[in-house]
């Protein structure tokens, strides 16, 4: 299992490829950017990962930013 908390620009395609080559079965992805999260889920699906669960977390209720914790699993 690998935990990732990338900057708002998201993960690189090379990093996702490396996870797949290493045979990482579960990836816990913490994100503050829904757009890059969706992009990275689509990219990870090319390597056999599927989105198992997404949980939104409001760490700062006074702000509009909501983080999410996503579980990606290798099929």
PDB file of N, CA and C in Angstrom:
ATOM      1  N   UNK A   1       0.851  -1.166   0.000  1.00  0.00           N
ATOM      2  CA  UNK A   1       0.000   0.000   0.000  1.00  0.00           C
ATOM      3  C   UNK A   1       0.900   1.232   0.000  1.00  0.00           C
ATOM      4  N   UNK A   2       0.498   2.208  -0.810  1.00  0.00           N
ATOM      5  CA  UNK A   2       1.241   3.463  -0.898  1.00  0.00           C
ATOM      6  C   UNK A   2       0.273   4.609  -0.624  1.00  0.00           C
ATOM      7  N   UNK A   3       0.726   5.575   0.161  1.00  0.00           N
ATOM      8  CA  UNK A   3      -0.039   6.790   0.421  1.00  0.00           C
ATOM      9  C   UNK A   3       0.586   7.925  -0.377  1.00  0.00           C
ATOM     10  N   UNK A   4      -0.247   8.690  -1.099  1.00  0.00           N
ATOM     11  CA  UNK A   4       0.255   9.838  -1.850  1.00  0.00           C
ATOM     12  C   UNK A   4      -0.584  11.064  -1.509  1.00  0.00           C
ATOM     13  N   UNK A   5       0.079  12.189  -1.406  1.00  0.00           N
ATOM     14  CA  UNK A   5      -0.569  13.482  -1.159  1.00  0.00           C
ATOM     15  C   UNK A   5       0.137  14.500  -2.045  1.00  0.00           C
ATOM     16  N   UNK A   6      -0.174  14.457  -3.356  1.00  0.00           N
ATOM     17  CA  UNK A   6       0.560  15.303  -4.299  1.00  0.00           C
ATOM     18  C   UNK A   6       0.150  16.771  -4.199  1.00  0.00           C
ATOM     19  N   UNK A   7       0.960  17.647  -4.780  1.00  0.00           N
ATOM     20  CA  UNK A   7       0.552  19.055  -4.882  1.00  0.00           C
ATOM     21  C   UNK A   7      -0.683  19.156  -5.774  1.00  0.00           C
ATOM     22  N   UNK A   8      -1.263  20.348  -5.862  1.00  0.00           N
ATOM     23  CA  UNK A   8      -2.503  20.525  -6.634  1.00  0.00           C
ATOM     24  C   UNK A   8      -2.364  20.141  -8.101  1.00  0.00           C
ATOM     25  N   UNK A   9      -1.138  20.114  -8.612  1.00  0.00           N
ATOM     26  CA  UNK A   9      -0.949  19.717 -10.015  1.00  0.00           C
ATOM     27  C   UNK A   9      -1.093  18.207 -10.213  1.00  0.00           C
ATOM     28  N   UNK A  10      -1.181  17.439  -9.137  1.00  0.00           N
ATOM     29  CA  UNK A  10      -1.419  16.004  -9.227  1.00  0.00           C
ATOM     30  C   UNK A  10      -0.165  15.181  -9.431  1.00  0.00           C
ATOM     31  N   UNK A  11      -0.380  13.916  -9.739  1.00  0.00           N
ATOM     32  CA  UNK A  11       0.723  12.975  -9.944  1.00  0.00           C
ATOM     33  C   UNK A  11       1.214  13.033 -11.386  1.00  0.00           C
ATOM     34  N   UNK A  12       2.454  12.654 -11.574  1.00  0.00           N
ATOM     35  CA  UNK A  12       2.970  12.558 -12.942  1.00  0.00           C
ATOM     36  C   UNK A  12       2.581  11.203 -13.523  1.00  0.00           C
ATOM     37  N   UNK A  13       2.475  11.138 -14.844  1.00  0.00           N
ATOM     38  CA  UNK A  13       2.159   9.870 -15.495  1.00  0.00           C
ATOM     39  C   UNK A  13       3.229   8.832 -15.185  1.00  0.00           C
ATOM     40  N   UNK A  14       4.466   9.296 -15.095  1.00  0.00           N
ATOM     41  CA  UNK A  14       5.563   8.384 -14.789  1.00  0.00           C
ATOM     42  C   UNK A  14       5.440   7.759 -13.419  1.00  0.00           C
ATOM     43  N   UNK A  15       4.954   8.532 -12.449  1.00  0.00           N
ATOM     44  CA  UNK A  15       4.783   8.002 -11.094  1.00  0.00           C
ATOM     45  C   UNK A  15       3.701   6.920 -11.079  1.00  0.00           C
ATOM     46  N   UNK A  16       2.596   7.168 -11.774  1.00  0.00           N
ATOM     47  CA  UNK A  16       1.517   6.181 -11.832  1.00  0.00           C
ATOM     48  C   UNK A  16       2.009   4.906 -12.511  1.00  0.00           C
ATOM     49  N   UNK A  17       2.779   5.059 -13.573  1.00  0.00           N
ATOM     50  CA  UNK A  17       3.361   3.907 -14.266  1.00  0.00           C
ATOM     51  C   UNK A  17       4.276   3.123 -13.324  1.00  0.00           C
ATOM     52  N   UNK A  18       5.078   3.828 -12.545  1.00  0.00           N
ATOM     53  CA  UNK A  18       5.990   3.174 -11.609  1.00  0.00           C
ATOM     54  C   UNK A  18       5.224   2.378 -10.558  1.00  0.00           C
ATOM     55  N   UNK A  19       4.129   2.939 -10.042  1.00  0.00           N
ATOM     56  CA  UNK A  19       3.301   2.209  -9.075  1.00  0.00           C
ATOM     57  C   UNK A  19       2.828   0.890  -9.677  1.00  0.00           C
ATOM     58  N   UNK A  20       2.357   0.951 -10.912  1.00  0.00           N
ATOM     59  CA  UNK A  20       1.860  -0.255 -11.579  1.00  0.00           C
ATOM     60  C   UNK A  20       2.982  -1.258 -11.807  1.00  0.00           C
ATOM     61  N   UNK A  21       4.149  -0.779 -12.246  1.00  0.00           N
ATOM     62  CA  UNK A  21       5.280  -1.682 -12.488  1.00  0.00           C
ATOM     63  C   UNK A  21       5.743  -2.350 -11.196  1.00  0.00           C
ATOM     64  N   UNK A  22       5.629  -1.641 -10.078  1.00  0.00           N
ATOM     65  CA  UNK A  22       6.013  -2.205  -8.787  1.00  0.00           C
ATOM     66  C   UNK A  22       4.958  -3.171  -8.246  1.00  0.00           C
ATOM     67  N   UNK A  23       3.799  -3.194  -8.880  1.00  0.00           N
ATOM     68  CA  UNK A  23       2.736  -4.097  -8.446  1.00  0.00           C
ATOM     69  C   UNK A  23       2.020  -3.631  -7.192  1.00  0.00           C
ATOM     70  N   UNK A  24       2.041  -2.320  -6.945  1.00  0.00           N
ATOM     71  CA  UNK A  24       1.355  -1.776  -5.767  1.00  0.00           C
ATOM     72  C   UNK A  24      -0.132  -2.042  -5.925  1.00  0.00           C
ATOM     73  N   UNK A  25      -0.719  -2.759  -4.981  1.00  0.00           N
ATOM     74  CA  UNK A  25      -2.110  -3.170  -5.108  1.00  0.00           C
ATOM     75  C   UNK A  25      -3.098  -2.116  -4.628  1.00  0.00           C
ATOM     76  N   UNK A  26      -2.697  -1.295  -3.653  1.00  0.00           N
ATOM     77  CA  UNK A  26      -3.586  -0.260  -3.121  1.00  0.00           C
ATOM     78  C   UNK A  26      -2.856   1.070  -3.031  1.00  0.00           C
ATOM     79  N   UNK A  27      -3.558   2.130  -3.446  1.00  0.00           N
ATOM     80  CA  UNK A  27      -3.016   3.483  -3.361  1.00  0.00           C
ATOM     81  C   UNK A  27      -4.051   4.337  -2.636  1.00  0.00           C
ATOM     82  N   UNK A  28      -3.640   4.951  -1.537  1.00  0.00           N
ATOM     83  CA  UNK A  28      -4.490   5.905  -0.837  1.00  0.00           C
ATOM     84  C   UNK A  28      -4.045   7.282  -1.302  1.00  0.00           C
ATOM     85  N   UNK A  29      -4.956   7.986  -1.954  1.00  0.00           N
ATOM     86  CA  UNK A  29      -4.647   9.251  -2.625  1.00  0.00           C
ATOM     87  C   UNK A  29      -5.376  10.382  -1.906  1.00  0.00           C
ATOM     88  N   UNK A  30      -4.618  11.307  -1.312  1.00  0.00           N
ATOM     89  CA  UNK A  30      -5.184  12.487  -0.657  1.00  0.00           C
ATOM     90  C   UNK A  30      -5.086  13.638  -1.647  1.00  0.00           C
ATOM     91  N   UNK A  31      -6.212  14.315  -1.883  1.00  0.00           N
ATOM     92  CA  UNK A  31      -6.226  15.360  -2.907  1.00  0.00           C
ATOM     93  C   UNK A  31      -6.990  16.593  -2.444  1.00  0.00           C
ATOM     94  N   UNK A  32      -6.490  17.754  -2.848  1.00  0.00           N
ATOM     95  CA  UNK A  32      -7.201  19.021  -2.626  1.00  0.00           C
ATOM     96  C   UNK A  32      -7.746  19.569  -3.937  1.00  0.00           C
ATOM     97  N   UNK A  33      -7.537  18.831  -5.017  1.00  0.00           N
ATOM     98  CA  UNK A  33      -7.957  19.301  -6.340  1.00  0.00           C
ATOM     99  C   UNK A  33      -8.801  18.232  -7.035  1.00  0.00           C
ATOM    100  N   UNK A  34     -10.115  18.423  -7.084  1.00  0.00           N
ATOM    101  CA  UNK A  34     -10.960  17.434  -7.763  1.00  0.00           C
ATOM    102  C   UNK A  34     -10.579  17.225  -9.228  1.00  0.00           C
ATOM    103  N   UNK A  35     -10.157  18.277  -9.904  1.00  0.00           N
ATOM    104  CA  UNK A  35      -9.809  18.162 -11.327  1.00  0.00           C
ATOM    105  C   UNK A  35      -8.615  17.238 -11.543  1.00  0.00           C
ATOM    106  N   UNK A  36      -7.560  17.415 -10.767  1.00  0.00           N
ATOM    107  CA  UNK A  36      -6.388  16.549 -10.957  1.00  0.00           C
ATOM    108  C   UNK A  36      -6.649  15.149 -10.405  1.00  0.00           C
ATOM    109  N   UNK A  37      -7.487  15.037  -9.402  1.00  0.00           N
ATOM    110  CA  UNK A  37      -7.850  13.715  -8.899  1.00  0.00           C
ATOM    111  C   UNK A  37      -8.530  12.909 -10.002  1.00  0.00           C
ATOM    112  N   UNK A  38      -9.503  13.508 -10.667  1.00  0.00           N
ATOM    113  CA  UNK A  38     -10.205  12.823 -11.756  1.00  0.00           C
ATOM    114  C   UNK A  38      -9.227  12.461 -12.873  1.00  0.00           C
ATOM    115  N   UNK A  39      -8.353  13.396 -13.232  1.00  0.00           N
ATOM    116  CA  UNK A  39      -7.358  13.126 -14.279  1.00  0.00           C
ATOM    117  C   UNK A  39      -6.474  11.945 -13.889  1.00  0.00           C
ATOM    118  N   UNK A  40      -6.017  11.926 -12.625  1.00  0.00           N
ATOM    119  CA  UNK A  40      -5.126  10.851 -12.179  1.00  0.00           C
ATOM    120  C   UNK A  40      -5.851   9.510 -12.060  1.00  0.00           C
ATOM    121  N   UNK A  41      -7.128   9.528 -11.679  1.00  0.00           N
ATOM    122  CA  UNK A  41      -7.902   8.285 -11.637  1.00  0.00           C
ATOM    123  C   UNK A  41      -8.028   7.718 -13.053  1.00  0.00           C
ATOM    124  N   UNK A  42      -8.295   8.574 -14.028  1.00  0.00           N
ATOM    125  CA  UNK A  42      -8.394   8.126 -15.422  1.00  0.00           C
ATOM    126  C   UNK A  42      -7.067   7.536 -15.888  1.00  0.00           C
ATOM    127  N   UNK A  43      -5.968   8.204 -15.551  1.00  0.00           N
ATOM    128  CA  UNK A  43      -4.643   7.701 -15.944  1.00  0.00           C
ATOM    129  C   UNK A  43      -4.347   6.372 -15.255  1.00  0.00           C
ATOM    130  N   UNK A  44      -4.655   6.274 -13.966  1.00  0.00           N
ATOM    131  CA  UNK A  44      -4.402   5.036 -13.225  1.00  0.00           C
ATOM    132  C   UNK A  44      -5.239   3.877 -13.765  1.00  0.00           C
ATOM    133  N   UNK A  45      -6.426   4.182 -14.270  1.00  0.00           N
ATOM    134  CA  UNK A  45      -7.282   3.119 -14.815  1.00  0.00           C
ATOM    135  C   UNK A  45      -6.640   2.467 -16.037  1.00  0.00           C
ATOM    136  N   UNK A  46      -5.791   3.185 -16.739  1.00  0.00           N
ATOM    137  CA  UNK A  46      -5.079   2.626 -17.892  1.00  0.00           C
ATOM    138  C   UNK A  46      -4.113   1.525 -17.465  1.00  0.00           C
ATOM    139  N   UNK A  47      -3.713   1.547 -16.190  1.00  0.00           N
ATOM    140  CA  UNK A  47      -2.773   0.562 -15.655  1.00  0.00           C
ATOM    141  C   UNK A  47      -3.477  -0.495 -14.810  1.00  0.00           C
ATOM    142  N   UNK A  48      -4.811  -0.511 -14.855  1.00  0.00           N
ATOM    143  CA  UNK A  48      -5.558  -1.552 -14.142  1.00  0.00           C
ATOM    144  C   UNK A  48      -6.075  -1.166 -12.773  1.00  0.00           C
ATOM    145  N   UNK A  49      -5.932   0.095 -12.382  1.00  0.00           N
ATOM    146  CA  UNK A  49      -6.460   0.534 -11.088  1.00  0.00           C
ATOM    147  C   UNK A  49      -7.916   0.965 -11.243  1.00  0.00           C
ATOM    148  N   UNK A  50      -8.694   0.733 -10.202  1.00  0.00           N
ATOM    149  CA  UNK A  50     -10.060   1.252 -10.185  1.00  0.00           C
ATOM    150  C   UNK A  50     -10.284   2.010  -8.879  1.00  0.00           C
ATOM    151  N   UNK A  51     -11.170   2.969  -8.953  1.00  0.00           N
ATOM    152  CA  UNK A  51     -11.489   3.794  -7.793  1.00  0.00           C
ATOM    153  C   UNK A  51     -12.483   3.026  -6.935  1.00  0.00           C
ATOM    154  N   UNK A  52     -12.051   2.641  -5.751  1.00  0.00           N
ATOM    155  CA  UNK A  52     -12.890   1.844  -4.871  1.00  0.00           C
ATOM    156  C   UNK A  52     -13.752   2.710  -3.955  1.00  0.00           C
ATOM    157  N   UNK A  53     -13.203   3.853  -3.532  1.00  0.00           N
ATOM    158  CA  UNK A  53     -13.926   4.667  -2.548  1.00  0.00           C
ATOM    159  C   UNK A  53     -13.333   6.080  -2.510  1.00  0.00           C
ATOM    160  N   UNK A  54     -14.208   7.084  -2.384  1.00  0.00           N
ATOM    161  CA  UNK A  54     -13.767   8.467  -2.196  1.00  0.00           C
ATOM    162  C   UNK A  54     -14.501   9.027  -0.983  1.00  0.00           C
ATOM    163  N   UNK A  55     -13.740   9.617  -0.064  1.00  0.00           N
ATOM    164  CA  UNK A  55     -14.325  10.243   1.117  1.00  0.00           C
ATOM    165  C   UNK A  55     -13.927  11.710   1.157  1.00  0.00           C
ATOM    166  N   UNK A  56     -14.887  12.633   1.114  1.00  0.00           N
ATOM    167  CA  UNK A  56     -14.560  14.060   1.253  1.00  0.00           C
ATOM    168  C   UNK A  56     -14.286  14.396   2.718  1.00  0.00           C
ATOM    169  N   UNK A  57     -13.327  15.287   2.934  1.00  0.00           N
ATOM    170  CA  UNK A  57     -12.975  15.707   4.294  1.00  0.00           C
ATOM    171  C   UNK A  57     -12.859  17.225   4.312  1.00  0.00           C
ATOM    172  N   UNK A  58     -13.628  17.850   5.187  1.00  0.00           N
ATOM    173  CA  UNK A  58     -13.618  19.309   5.330  1.00  0.00           C
ATOM    174  C   UNK A  58     -12.734  19.670   6.522  1.00  0.00           C
ATOM    175  N   UNK A  59     -11.458  19.927   6.265  1.00  0.00           N
ATOM    176  CA  UNK A  59     -10.500  20.239   7.325  1.00  0.00           C
ATOM    177  C   UNK A  59     -10.573  21.694   7.778  1.00  0.00           C
ATOM    178  N   UNK A  60     -11.116  22.540   6.934  1.00  0.00           N
ATOM    179  CA  UNK A  60     -11.202  23.967   7.251  1.00  0.00           C
ATOM    180  C   UNK A  60     -12.592  24.465   6.863  1.00  0.00           C
ATOM    181  N   UNK A  61     -13.590  24.306   7.741  1.00  0.00           N
ATOM    182  CA  UNK A  61     -14.969  24.659   7.395  1.00  0.00           C
ATOM    183  C   UNK A  61     -15.160  26.119   6.979  1.00  0.00           C
ATOM    184  N   UNK A  62     -14.255  26.989   7.396  1.00  0.00           N
ATOM    185  CA  UNK A  62     -14.382  28.410   7.049  1.00  0.00           C
ATOM    186  C   UNK A  62     -13.908  28.701   5.618  1.00  0.00           C
ATOM    187  N   UNK A  63     -13.314  27.701   4.956  1.00  0.00           N
ATOM    188  CA  UNK A  63     -12.833  27.860   3.580  1.00  0.00           C
ATOM    189  C   UNK A  63     -13.656  26.986   2.643  1.00  0.00           C
ATOM    190  N   UNK A  64     -13.550  27.250   1.367  1.00  0.00           N
ATOM    191  CA  UNK A  64     -14.309  26.467   0.391  1.00  0.00           C
ATOM    192  C   UNK A  64     -13.572  25.198  -0.060  1.00  0.00           C
ATOM    193  N   UNK A  65     -12.338  25.021   0.377  1.00  0.00           N
ATOM    194  CA  UNK A  65     -11.551  23.865  -0.045  1.00  0.00           C
ATOM    195  C   UNK A  65     -11.936  22.616   0.743  1.00  0.00           C
ATOM    196  N   UNK A  66     -12.166  21.535   0.008  1.00  0.00           N
ATOM    197  CA  UNK A  66     -12.445  20.241   0.633  1.00  0.00           C
ATOM    198  C   UNK A  66     -11.443  19.245   0.086  1.00  0.00           C
ATOM    199  N   UNK A  67     -10.786  18.545   0.967  1.00  0.00           N
ATOM    200  CA  UNK A  67      -9.861  17.494   0.541  1.00  0.00           C
ATOM    201  C   UNK A  67     -10.650  16.205   0.386  1.00  0.00           C
ATOM    202  N   UNK A  68     -10.057  15.256  -0.300  1.00  0.00           N
ATOM    203  CA  UNK A  68     -10.674  13.948  -0.416  1.00  0.00           C
ATOM    204  C   UNK A  68      -9.613  12.876  -0.226  1.00  0.00           C
ATOM    205  N   UNK A  69     -10.054  11.755   0.275  1.00  0.00           N
ATOM    206  CA  UNK A  69      -9.189  10.591   0.416  1.00  0.00           C
ATOM    207  C   UNK A  69      -9.803   9.495  -0.463  1.00  0.00           C
ATOM    208  N   UNK A  70      -9.007   9.011  -1.394  1.00  0.00           N
ATOM    209  CA  UNK A  70      -9.486   8.062  -2.390  1.00  0.00           C
ATOM    210  C   UNK A  70      -8.674   6.773  -2.297  1.00  0.00           C
ATOM    211  N   UNK A  71      -9.364   5.645  -2.400  1.00  0.00           N
ATOM    212  CA  UNK A  71      -8.686   4.358  -2.454  1.00  0.00           C
ATOM    213  C   UNK A  71      -8.724   3.835  -3.876  1.00  0.00           C
ATOM    214  N   UNK A  72      -7.544   3.655  -4.450  1.00  0.00           N
ATOM    215  CA  UNK A  72      -7.410   3.033  -5.770  1.00  0.00           C
ATOM    216  C   UNK A  72      -6.874   1.622  -5.556  1.00  0.00           C
ATOM    217  N   UNK A  73      -7.479   0.664  -6.227  1.00  0.00           N
ATOM    218  CA  UNK A  73      -7.029  -0.731  -6.095  1.00  0.00           C
ATOM    219  C   UNK A  73      -6.710  -1.306  -7.461  1.00  0.00           C
ATOM    220  N   UNK A  74      -5.654  -2.096  -7.492  1.00  0.00           N
ATOM    221  CA  UNK A  74      -5.272  -2.782  -8.726  1.00  0.00           C
ATOM    222  C   UNK A  74      -6.222  -3.938  -8.933  1.00  0.00           C
ATOM    223  N   UNK A  75      -6.787  -4.024 -10.130  1.00  0.00           N
ATOM    224  CA  UNK A  75      -7.752  -5.101 -10.436  1.00  0.00           C
ATOM    225  C   UNK A  75      -7.064  -6.430 -10.500  1.00  0.00           C
TER     226      UNK A  75
END
